[in-house]
Each structure stands twice: as structure tokens, then as C-alpha cells.
Amino acid sequence: MASCPFCGAEETDRFDLDGRRFLVFRCMFTPQVDPSWSDAELERQLRTSYARDGSGAYFRRLCDQLHLYVTAGPGGATLRGGAERPAGNRDGAEPP
């Protein structure tokens, strides 16, 4: 059983979906992992892949991706009723 590389929470579930494996930890962190990895490889890869830059870097990167999705990507288009934001306009202001 693996533990979360950020907080040490125990793994609560593993599931395979469309040929990919996901681990679920008590803290709700749910990374995608290679289904062929042994438990020892899993622990090593989790620590290497997610904790190498420190949890702050991983979560900051994830937050930036979500922010971009909601403000300028498909999520933002849905919130705007399908209207695409003009290219190069990231601050939400109307073009001149």
C-alpha cells in the first residue's frame, strides 16, 4: 500500500480506467500511475514524480493549469456561454 508523497496519507483505493491506473489517497490526491509498477516502484515514482520539486511547485503548477482552463480555455468558454475570448486578451477586458 502506497502513501501520499505530500502528506503521507494512506492509499484508500486503486482503480483501472481505460488502461490507466489511478491511486486514491485519504487526502484525495489521485495520481495516474503505470499499472505495471510494483509497490516498491510505485513508492519511488510517486516520490520522484511529485515530491522532487516540493509540494508547493506541484500544486502551483496544477493551480495555474486550472486557472488557465477556466479563464482562457474550454472551461471559460462554457462559463461565458460559448463565447471565445479574443486571442492575446488574457485579462478579461474587452478589446479596444
PDB file of N, CA and C in Angstrom:
ATOM      1  N   MET A   1       0.849  -1.173   0.000  1.00  0.00           N
ATOM      2  CA  MET A   1       0.000   0.000   0.000  1.00  0.00           C
ATOM      3  C   MET A   1       0.903   1.247   0.000  1.00  0.00           C
ATOM      4  N   ALA A   2       0.604   2.170  -0.888  1.00  0.00           N
ATOM      5  CA  ALA A   2       1.412   3.382  -1.040  1.00  0.00           C
ATOM      6  C   ALA A   2       0.930   4.473  -0.082  1.00  0.00           C
ATOM      7  N   SER A   3       1.751   5.514   0.039  1.00  0.00           N
ATOM      8  CA  SER A   3       1.356   6.676   0.837  1.00  0.00           C
ATOM      9  C   SER A   3       1.564   7.936   0.010  1.00  0.00           C
ATOM     10  N   CYS A   4       0.789   8.961   0.315  1.00  0.00           N
ATOM     11  CA  CYS A   4       0.842  10.219  -0.422  1.00  0.00           C
ATOM     12  C   CYS A   4       2.231  10.844  -0.288  1.00  0.00           C
ATOM     13  N   PRO A   5       2.837  11.264  -1.397  1.00  0.00           N
ATOM     14  CA  PRO A   5       4.180  11.861  -1.317  1.00  0.00           C
ATOM     15  C   PRO A   5       4.169  13.255  -0.682  1.00  0.00           C
ATOM     16  N   PHE A   6       3.012  13.861  -0.533  1.00  0.00           N
ATOM     17  CA  PHE A   6       2.921  15.208   0.036  1.00  0.00           C
ATOM     18  C   PHE A   6       2.663  15.190   1.530  1.00  0.00           C
ATOM     19  N   CYS A   7       1.658  14.406   1.945  1.00  0.00           N
ATOM     20  CA  CYS A   7       1.262  14.463   3.355  1.00  0.00           C
ATOM     21  C   CYS A   7       1.397  13.143   4.085  1.00  0.00           C
ATOM     22  N   GLY A   8       1.704  12.055   3.356  1.00  0.00           N
ATOM     23  CA  GLY A   8       1.860  10.749   3.987  1.00  0.00           C
ATOM     24  C   GLY A   8       0.561   9.989   4.212  1.00  0.00           C
ATOM     25  N   ALA A   9      -0.576  10.519   3.718  1.00  0.00           N
ATOM     26  CA  ALA A   9      -1.863   9.838   3.886  1.00  0.00           C
ATOM     27  C   ALA A   9      -1.830   8.471   3.221  1.00  0.00           C
ATOM     28  N   GLU A  10      -2.546   7.527   3.820  1.00  0.00           N
ATOM     29  CA  GLU A  10      -2.585   6.176   3.286  1.00  0.00           C
ATOM     30  C   GLU A  10      -3.409   6.091   2.010  1.00  0.00           C
ATOM     31  N   GLU A  11      -3.040   5.132   1.169  1.00  0.00           N
ATOM     32  CA  GLU A  11      -3.812   4.824  -0.035  1.00  0.00           C
ATOM     33  C   GLU A  11      -5.128   4.181   0.391  1.00  0.00           C
ATOM     34  N   THR A  12      -6.232   4.621  -0.213  1.00  0.00           N
ATOM     35  CA  THR A  12      -7.538   4.048   0.138  1.00  0.00           C
ATOM     36  C   THR A  12      -8.148   3.239  -0.994  1.00  0.00           C
ATOM     37  N   ASP A  13      -7.673   3.443  -2.226  1.00  0.00           N
ATOM     38  CA  ASP A  13      -8.267   2.731  -3.354  1.00  0.00           C
ATOM     39  C   ASP A  13      -7.310   2.742  -4.538  1.00  0.00           C
ATOM     40  N   ARG A  14      -7.468   1.749  -5.401  1.00  0.00           N
ATOM     41  CA  ARG A  14      -6.788   1.682  -6.701  1.00  0.00           C
ATOM     42  C   ARG A  14      -7.841   1.282  -7.707  1.00  0.00           C
ATOM     43  N   PHE A  15      -7.829   1.941  -8.851  1.00  0.00           N
ATOM     44  CA  PHE A  15      -8.754   1.500  -9.891  1.00  0.00           C
ATOM     45  C   PHE A  15      -8.138   1.714 -11.259  1.00  0.00           C
ATOM     46  N   ASP A  16      -8.546   0.863 -12.202  1.00  0.00           N
ATOM     47  CA  ASP A  16      -8.086   0.941 -13.590  1.00  0.00           C
ATOM     48  C   ASP A  16      -9.228   1.479 -14.433  1.00  0.00           C
ATOM     49  N   LEU A  17      -8.889   2.398 -15.319  1.00  0.00           N
ATOM     50  CA  LEU A  17      -9.880   3.010 -16.195  1.00  0.00           C
ATOM     51  C   LEU A  17      -9.242   3.251 -17.546  1.00  0.00           C
ATOM     52  N   ASP A  18      -9.793   2.648 -18.576  1.00  0.00           N
ATOM     53  CA  ASP A  18      -9.285   2.803 -19.936  1.00  0.00           C
ATOM     54  C   ASP A  18      -7.794   2.506 -20.035  1.00  0.00           C
ATOM     55  N   GLY A  19      -7.347   1.434 -19.387  1.00  0.00           N
ATOM     56  CA  GLY A  19      -5.956   1.028 -19.471  1.00  0.00           C
ATOM     57  C   GLY A  19      -5.001   1.842 -18.612  1.00  0.00           C
ATOM     58  N   ARG A  20      -5.535   2.734 -17.789  1.00  0.00           N
ATOM     59  CA  ARG A  20      -4.696   3.538 -16.895  1.00  0.00           C
ATOM     60  C   ARG A  20      -5.057   3.199 -15.454  1.00  0.00           C
ATOM     61  N   ARG A  21      -4.090   3.286 -14.547  1.00  0.00           N
ATOM     62  CA  ARG A  21      -4.333   3.014 -13.133  1.00  0.00           C
ATOM     63  C   ARG A  21      -4.260   4.319 -12.348  1.00  0.00           C
ATOM     64  N   PHE A  22      -5.158   4.443 -11.406  1.00  0.00           N
ATOM     65  CA  PHE A  22      -5.199   5.604 -10.529  1.00  0.00           C
ATOM     66  C   PHE A  22      -5.153   5.136  -9.083  1.00  0.00           C
ATOM     67  N   LEU A  23      -4.421   5.859  -8.268  1.00  0.00           N
ATOM     68  CA  LEU A  23      -4.386   5.606  -6.831  1.00  0.00           C
ATOM     69  C   LEU A  23      -5.178   6.724  -6.154  1.00  0.00           C
ATOM     70  N   VAL A  24      -5.905   6.377  -5.122  1.00  0.00           N
ATOM     71  CA  VAL A  24      -6.643   7.378  -4.359  1.00  0.00           C
ATOM     72  C   VAL A  24      -6.118   7.340  -2.934  1.00  0.00           C
ATOM     73  N   PHE A  25      -5.733   8.506  -2.423  1.00  0.00           N
ATOM     74  CA  PHE A  25      -5.240   8.604  -1.057  1.00  0.00           C
ATOM     75  C   PHE A  25      -6.290   9.265  -0.176  1.00  0.00           C
ATOM     76  N   ARG A  26      -6.185   9.037   1.122  1.00  0.00           N
ATOM     77  CA  ARG A  26      -7.138   9.586   2.084  1.00  0.00           C
ATOM     78  C   ARG A  26      -7.272  11.103   1.959  1.00  0.00           C
ATOM     79  N   CYS A  27      -6.217  11.783   1.523  1.00  0.00           N
ATOM     80  CA  CYS A  27      -6.235  13.244   1.357  1.00  0.00           C
ATOM     81  C   CYS A  27      -6.883  13.665   0.033  1.00  0.00           C
ATOM     82  N   MET A  28      -7.296  12.680  -0.782  1.00  0.00           N
ATOM     83  CA  MET A  28      -7.952  12.872  -2.074  1.00  0.00           C
ATOM     84  C   MET A  28      -6.979  13.129  -3.231  1.00  0.00           C
ATOM     85  N   PHE A  29      -5.693  13.100  -3.000  1.00  0.00           N
ATOM     86  CA  PHE A  29      -4.719  13.152  -4.090  1.00  0.00           C
ATOM     87  C   PHE A  29      -4.890  11.865  -4.887  1.00  0.00           C
ATOM     88  N   THR A  30      -5.031  11.972  -6.225  1.00  0.00           N
ATOM     89  CA  THR A  30      -5.324  10.815  -7.074  1.00  0.00           C
ATOM     90  C   THR A  30      -4.420  10.827  -8.312  1.00  0.00           C
ATOM     91  N   PRO A  31      -3.183  10.359  -8.174  1.00  0.00           N
ATOM     92  CA  PRO A  31      -2.281  10.356  -9.332  1.00  0.00           C
ATOM     93  C   PRO A  31      -2.546   9.183 -10.267  1.00  0.00           C
ATOM     94  N   GLN A  32      -2.216   9.400 -11.533  1.00  0.00           N
ATOM     95  CA  GLN A  32      -2.231   8.317 -12.519  1.00  0.00           C
ATOM     96  C   GLN A  32      -0.867   7.658 -12.480  1.00  0.00           C
ATOM     97  N   VAL A  33      -0.839   6.335 -12.443  1.00  0.00           N
ATOM     98  CA  VAL A  33       0.422   5.595 -12.388  1.00  0.00           C
ATOM     99  C   VAL A  33       0.426   4.486 -13.427  1.00  0.00           C
ATOM    100  N   ASP A  34       1.594   3.950 -13.689  1.00  0.00           N
ATOM    101  CA  ASP A  34       1.744   2.846 -14.632  1.00  0.00           C
ATOM    102  C   ASP A  34       1.251   1.555 -13.967  1.00  0.00           C
ATOM    103  N   PRO A  35       0.313   0.848 -14.594  1.00  0.00           N
ATOM    104  CA  PRO A  35      -0.226  -0.376 -13.986  1.00  0.00           C
ATOM    105  C   PRO A  35       0.807  -1.489 -13.804  1.00  0.00           C
ATOM    106  N   SER A  36       1.922  -1.412 -14.503  1.00  0.00           N
ATOM    107  CA  SER A  36       2.930  -2.476 -14.405  1.00  0.00           C
ATOM    108  C   SER A  36       3.895  -2.282 -13.239  1.00  0.00           C
ATOM    109  N   TRP A  37       3.846  -1.137 -12.561  1.00  0.00           N
ATOM    110  CA  TRP A  37       4.787  -0.883 -11.460  1.00  0.00           C
ATOM    111  C   TRP A  37       4.473  -1.742 -10.242  1.00  0.00           C
ATOM    112  N   SER A  38       5.532  -2.266  -9.624  1.00  0.00           N
ATOM    113  CA  SER A  38       5.381  -2.977  -8.352  1.00  0.00           C
ATOM    114  C   SER A  38       5.149  -1.930  -7.256  1.00  0.00           C
ATOM    115  N   ASP A  39       4.809  -2.374  -6.051  1.00  0.00           N
ATOM    116  CA  ASP A  39       4.593  -1.426  -4.952  1.00  0.00           C
ATOM    117  C   ASP A  39       5.850  -0.618  -4.649  1.00  0.00           C
ATOM    118  N   ALA A  40       7.012  -1.257  -4.716  1.00  0.00           N
ATOM    119  CA  ALA A  40       8.268  -0.545  -4.453  1.00  0.00           C
ATOM    120  C   ALA A  40       8.520   0.515  -5.534  1.00  0.00           C
ATOM    121  N   GLU A  41       8.293   0.152  -6.804  1.00  0.00           N
ATOM    122  CA  GLU A  41       8.457   1.115  -7.895  1.00  0.00           C
ATOM    123  C   GLU A  41       7.452   2.260  -7.764  1.00  0.00           C
ATOM    124  N   LEU A  42       6.255   1.912  -7.343  1.00  0.00           N
ATOM    125  CA  LEU A  42       5.203   2.911  -7.174  1.00  0.00           C
ATOM    126  C   LEU A  42       5.625   3.987  -6.169  1.00  0.00           C
ATOM    127  N   GLU A  43       6.091   3.549  -5.003  1.00  0.00           N
ATOM    128  CA  GLU A  43       6.536   4.498  -3.969  1.00  0.00           C
ATOM    129  C   GLU A  43       7.662   5.388  -4.502  1.00  0.00           C
ATOM    130  N   ARG A  44       8.631   4.762  -5.172  1.00  0.00           N
ATOM    131  CA  ARG A  44       9.773   5.519  -5.693  1.00  0.00           C
ATOM    132  C   ARG A  44       9.319   6.524  -6.751  1.00  0.00           C
ATOM    133  N   GLN A  45       8.444   6.106  -7.656  1.00  0.00           N
ATOM    134  CA  GLN A  45       7.975   7.003  -8.714  1.00  0.00           C
ATOM    135  C   GLN A  45       7.122   8.149  -8.170  1.00  0.00           C
ATOM    136  N   LEU A  46       6.291   7.858  -7.178  1.00  0.00           N
ATOM    137  CA  LEU A  46       5.488   8.926  -6.568  1.00  0.00           C
ATOM    138  C   LEU A  46       6.392   9.992  -5.955  1.00  0.00           C
ATOM    139  N   ARG A  47       7.394   9.549  -5.230  1.00  0.00           N
ATOM    140  CA  ARG A  47       8.318  10.497  -4.590  1.00  0.00           C
ATOM    141  C   ARG A  47       9.125  11.269  -5.635  1.00  0.00           C
ATOM    142  N   THR A  48       9.535  10.586  -6.695  1.00  0.00           N
ATOM    143  CA  THR A  48      10.333  11.227  -7.743  1.00  0.00           C
ATOM    144  C   THR A  48       9.487  12.174  -8.584  1.00  0.00           C
ATOM    145  N   SER A  49       8.323  11.719  -9.016  1.00  0.00           N
ATOM    146  CA  SER A  49       7.498  12.495  -9.939  1.00  0.00           C
ATOM    147  C   SER A  49       6.820  13.695  -9.296  1.00  0.00           C
ATOM    148  N   TYR A  50       6.345  13.550  -8.064  1.00  0.00           N
ATOM    149  CA  TYR A  50       5.548  14.611  -7.471  1.00  0.00           C
ATOM    150  C   TYR A  50       6.271  15.414  -6.408  1.00  0.00           C
ATOM    151  N   ALA A  51       7.113  14.770  -5.628  1.00  0.00           N
ATOM    152  CA  ALA A  51       7.711  15.474  -4.500  1.00  0.00           C
ATOM    153  C   ALA A  51       9.090  16.050  -4.795  1.00  0.00           C
ATOM    154  N   ARG A  52       9.636  15.804  -5.970  1.00  0.00           N
ATOM    155  CA  ARG A  52      11.003  16.255  -6.231  1.00  0.00           C
ATOM    156  C   ARG A  52      11.131  17.776  -6.207  1.00  0.00           C
ATOM    157  N   ASP A  53      10.110  18.496  -6.665  1.00  0.00           N
ATOM    158  CA  ASP A  53      10.142  19.955  -6.647  1.00  0.00           C
ATOM    159  C   ASP A  53       9.491  20.523  -5.395  1.00  0.00           C
ATOM    160  N   GLY A  54       9.090  19.650  -4.500  1.00  0.00           N
ATOM    161  CA  GLY A  54       8.358  20.099  -3.324  1.00  0.00           C
ATOM    162  C   GLY A  54       6.887  20.231  -3.664  1.00  0.00           C
ATOM    163  N   SER A  55       6.035  20.048  -2.702  1.00  0.00           N
ATOM    164  CA  SER A  55       4.601  20.070  -2.968  1.00  0.00           C
ATOM    165  C   SER A  55       4.146  21.430  -3.464  1.00  0.00           C
ATOM    166  N   GLY A  56       4.783  22.507  -3.029  1.00  0.00           N
ATOM    167  CA  GLY A  56       4.388  23.840  -3.474  1.00  0.00           C
ATOM    168  C   GLY A  56       4.471  23.990  -4.978  1.00  0.00           C
ATOM    169  N   ALA A  57       5.532  23.485  -5.579  1.00  0.00           N
ATOM    170  CA  ALA A  57       5.710  23.601  -7.030  1.00  0.00           C
ATOM    171  C   ALA A  57       4.658  22.790  -7.772  1.00  0.00           C
ATOM    172  N   TYR A  58       4.376  21.586  -7.325  1.00  0.00           N
ATOM    173  CA  TYR A  58       3.375  20.751  -7.993  1.00  0.00           C
ATOM    174  C   TYR A  58       2.003  21.399  -7.930  1.00  0.00           C
ATOM    175  N   PHE A  59       1.600  21.826  -6.739  1.00  0.00           N
ATOM    176  CA  PHE A  59       0.265  22.400  -6.590  1.00  0.00           C
ATOM    177  C   PHE A  59       0.151  23.763  -7.258  1.00  0.00           C
ATOM    178  N   ARG A  60       1.221  24.535  -7.289  1.00  0.00           N
ATOM    179  CA  ARG A  60       1.200  25.817  -8.003  1.00  0.00           C
ATOM    180  C   ARG A  60       1.008  25.582  -9.487  1.00  0.00           C
ATOM    181  N   ARG A  61       1.691  24.586 -10.039  1.00  0.00           N
ATOM    182  CA  ARG A  61       1.571  24.249 -11.456  1.00  0.00           C
ATOM    183  C   ARG A  61       0.137  23.787 -11.763  1.00  0.00           C
ATOM    184  N   LEU A  62      -0.425  22.945 -10.903  1.00  0.00           N
ATOM    185  CA  LEU A  62      -1.786  22.473 -11.091  1.00  0.00           C
ATOM    186  C   LEU A  62      -2.783  23.623 -11.005  1.00  0.00           C
ATOM    187  N   CYS A  63      -2.587  24.526 -10.057  1.00  0.00           N
ATOM    188  CA  CYS A  63      -3.459  25.688  -9.907  1.00  0.00           C
ATOM    189  C   CYS A  63      -3.384  26.570 -11.157  1.00  0.00           C
ATOM    190  N   ASP A  64      -2.191  26.779 -11.686  1.00  0.00           N
ATOM    191  CA  ASP A  64      -2.034  27.580 -12.902  1.00  0.00           C
ATOM    192  C   ASP A  64      -2.763  26.944 -14.080  1.00  0.00           C
ATOM    193  N   GLN A  65      -2.671  25.619 -14.216  1.00  0.00           N
ATOM    194  CA  GLN A  65      -3.356  24.924 -15.306  1.00  0.00           C
ATOM    195  C   GLN A  65      -4.866  25.066 -15.173  1.00  0.00           C
ATOM    196  N   LEU A  66      -5.387  24.909 -13.966  1.00  0.00           N
ATOM    197  CA  LEU A  66      -6.831  25.053 -13.756  1.00  0.00           C
ATOM    198  C   LEU A  66      -7.285  26.485 -14.010  1.00  0.00           C
ATOM    199  N   HIS A  67      -6.486  27.455 -13.572  1.00  0.00           N
ATOM    200  CA  HIS A  67      -6.821  28.860 -13.787  1.00  0.00           C
ATOM    201  C   HIS A  67      -6.892  29.169 -15.287  1.00  0.00           C
ATOM    202  N   LEU A  68      -5.916  28.695 -16.044  1.00  0.00           N
ATOM    203  CA  LEU A  68      -5.903  28.923 -17.483  1.00  0.00           C
ATOM    204  C   LEU A  68      -7.103  28.242 -18.149  1.00  0.00           C
ATOM    205  N   TYR A  69      -7.434  27.038 -17.716  1.00  0.00           N
ATOM    206  CA  TYR A  69      -8.583  26.318 -18.271  1.00  0.00           C
ATOM    207  C   TYR A  69      -9.871  27.112 -18.061  1.00  0.00           C
ATOM    208  N   VAL A  70     -10.037  27.661 -16.873  1.00  0.00           N
ATOM    209  CA  VAL A  70     -11.276  28.371 -16.551  1.00  0.00           C
ATOM    210  C   VAL A  70     -11.315  29.765 -17.169  1.00  0.00           C
ATOM    211  N   THR A  71     -10.179  30.433 -17.259  1.00  0.00           N
ATOM    212  CA  THR A  71     -10.194  31.801 -17.773  1.00  0.00           C
ATOM    213  C   THR A  71     -10.042  31.896 -19.278  1.00  0.00           C
ATOM    214  N   ALA A  72      -9.252  31.011 -19.893  1.00  0.00           N
ATOM    215  CA  ALA A  72      -8.980  31.167 -21.320  1.00  0.00           C
ATOM    216  C   ALA A  72      -9.249  29.906 -22.129  1.00  0.00           C
ATOM    217  N   GLY A  73      -9.550  28.807 -21.457  1.00  0.00           N
ATOM    218  CA  GLY A  73      -9.745  27.551 -22.165  1.00  0.00           C
ATOM    219  C   GLY A  73     -11.199  27.171 -22.304  1.00  0.00           C
ATOM    220  N   PRO A  74     -11.453  25.902 -22.560  1.00  0.00           N
ATOM    221  CA  PRO A  74     -12.820  25.422 -22.760  1.00  0.00           C
ATOM    222  C   PRO A  74     -13.735  25.674 -21.556  1.00  0.00           C
ATOM    223  N   GLY A  75     -13.172  25.600 -20.353  1.00  0.00           N
ATOM    224  CA  GLY A  75     -13.986  25.866 -19.172  1.00  0.00           C
ATOM    225  C   GLY A  75     -14.478  27.298 -19.154  1.00  0.00           C
ATOM    226  N   GLY A  76     -13.619  28.240 -19.535  1.00  0.00           N
ATOM    227  CA  GLY A  76     -14.018  29.644 -19.592  1.00  0.00           C
ATOM    228  C   GLY A  76     -15.046  29.895 -20.673  1.00  0.00           C
ATOM    229  N   ALA A  77     -14.911  29.225 -21.806  1.00  0.00           N
ATOM    230  CA  ALA A  77     -15.884  29.391 -22.897  1.00  0.00           C
ATOM    231  C   ALA A  77     -17.263  28.933 -22.436  1.00  0.00           C
ATOM    232  N   THR A  78     -17.311  27.853 -21.683  1.00  0.00           N
ATOM    233  CA  THR A  78     -18.579  27.363 -21.150  1.00  0.00           C
ATOM    234  C   THR A  78     -19.190  28.390 -20.205  1.00  0.00           C
ATOM    235  N   LEU A  79     -18.360  28.952 -19.329  1.00  0.00           N
ATOM    236  CA  LEU A  79     -18.858  29.954 -18.382  1.00  0.00           C
ATOM    237  C   LEU A  79     -19.329  31.225 -19.083  1.00  0.00           C
ATOM    238  N   ARG A  80     -18.735  31.543 -20.232  1.00  0.00           N
ATOM    239  CA  ARG A  80     -19.127  32.736 -20.989  1.00  0.00           C
ATOM    240  C   ARG A  80     -20.254  32.436 -21.970  1.00  0.00           C
ATOM    241  N   GLY A  81     -20.828  31.270 -21.885  1.00  0.00           N
ATOM    242  CA  GLY A  81     -21.912  30.911 -22.796  1.00  0.00           C
ATOM    243  C   GLY A  81     -21.426  30.542 -24.176  1.00  0.00           C
ATOM    244  N   GLY A  82     -20.224  30.002 -24.278  1.00  0.00           N
ATOM    245  CA  GLY A  82     -19.692  29.550 -25.552  1.00  0.00           C
ATOM    246  C   GLY A  82     -18.871  30.590 -26.287  1.00  0.00           C
ATOM    247  N   ALA A  83     -18.834  31.822 -25.797  1.00  0.00           N
ATOM    248  CA  ALA A  83     -18.067  32.871 -26.470  1.00  0.00           C
ATOM    249  C   ALA A  83     -16.579  32.661 -26.239  1.00  0.00           C
ATOM    250  N   GLU A  84     -15.817  32.663 -27.297  1.00  0.00           N
ATOM    251  CA  GLU A  84     -14.365  32.547 -27.181  1.00  0.00           C
ATOM    252  C   GLU A  84     -13.770  33.908 -26.867  1.00  0.00           C
ATOM    253  N   ARG A  85     -12.746  33.917 -26.036  1.00  0.00           N
ATOM    254  CA  ARG A  85     -12.043  35.151 -25.717  1.00  0.00           C
ATOM    255  C   ARG A  85     -11.131  35.510 -26.878  1.00  0.00           C
ATOM    256  N   PRO A  86     -11.051  36.776 -27.266  1.00  0.00           N
ATOM    257  CA  PRO A  86     -10.159  37.177 -28.355  1.00  0.00           C
ATOM    258  C   PRO A  86      -8.709  36.791 -28.051  1.00  0.00           C
ATOM    259  N   ALA A  87      -7.972  36.381 -29.085  1.00  0.00           N
ATOM    260  CA  ALA A  87      -6.584  35.983 -28.927  1.00  0.00           C
ATOM    261  C   ALA A  87      -5.771  37.095 -28.298  1.00  0.00           C
ATOM    262  N   GLY A  88      -4.880  36.718 -27.384  1.00  0.00           N
ATOM    263  CA  GLY A  88      -3.983  37.682 -26.757  1.00  0.00           C
ATOM    264  C   GLY A  88      -4.616  38.478 -25.632  1.00  0.00           C
ATOM    265  N   ASN A  89      -5.887  38.266 -25.377  1.00  0.00           N
ATOM    266  CA  ASN A  89      -6.575  39.014 -24.323  1.00  0.00           C
ATOM    267  C   ASN A  89      -6.776  38.105 -23.124  1.00  0.00           C
ATOM    268  N   ARG A  90      -5.865  38.158 -22.168  1.00  0.00           N
ATOM    269  CA  ARG A  90      -5.911  37.262 -21.019  1.00  0.00           C
ATOM    270  C   ARG A  90      -6.485  37.918 -19.765  1.00  0.00           C
ATOM    271  N   ASP A  91      -6.699  39.239 -19.778  1.00  0.00           N
ATOM    272  CA  ASP A  91      -7.144  39.903 -18.554  1.00  0.00           C
ATOM    273  C   ASP A  91      -8.647  40.041 -18.459  1.00  0.00           C
ATOM    274  N   GLY A  92      -9.393  39.610 -19.470  1.00  0.00           N
ATOM    275  CA  GLY A  92     -10.837  39.659 -19.432  1.00  0.00           C
ATOM    276  C   GLY A  92     -11.421  40.965 -19.926  1.00  0.00           C
ATOM    277  N   ALA A  93     -10.596  41.970 -20.198  1.00  0.00           N
ATOM    278  CA  ALA A  93     -11.097  43.256 -20.683  1.00  0.00           C
ATOM    279  C   ALA A  93     -11.501  43.131 -22.157  1.00  0.00           C
ATOM    280  N   GLU A  94     -12.452  43.915 -22.543  1.00  0.00           N
ATOM    281  CA  GLU A  94     -12.880  43.926 -23.943  1.00  0.00           C
ATOM    282  C   GLU A  94     -11.782  44.544 -24.799  1.00  0.00           C
ATOM    283  N   PRO A  95     -11.595  44.059 -26.023  1.00  0.00           N
ATOM    284  CA  PRO A  95     -10.570  44.652 -26.900  1.00  0.00           C
ATOM    285  C   PRO A  95     -10.989  46.079 -27.285  1.00  0.00           C
ATOM    286  N   PRO A  96      -9.993  46.948 -27.573  1.00  0.00           N
ATOM    287  CA  PRO A  96     -10.306  48.344 -27.921  1.00  0.00           C
ATOM    288  C   PRO A  96     -11.056  48.460 -29.226  1.00  0.00           C
TER     289      PRO A  96
END
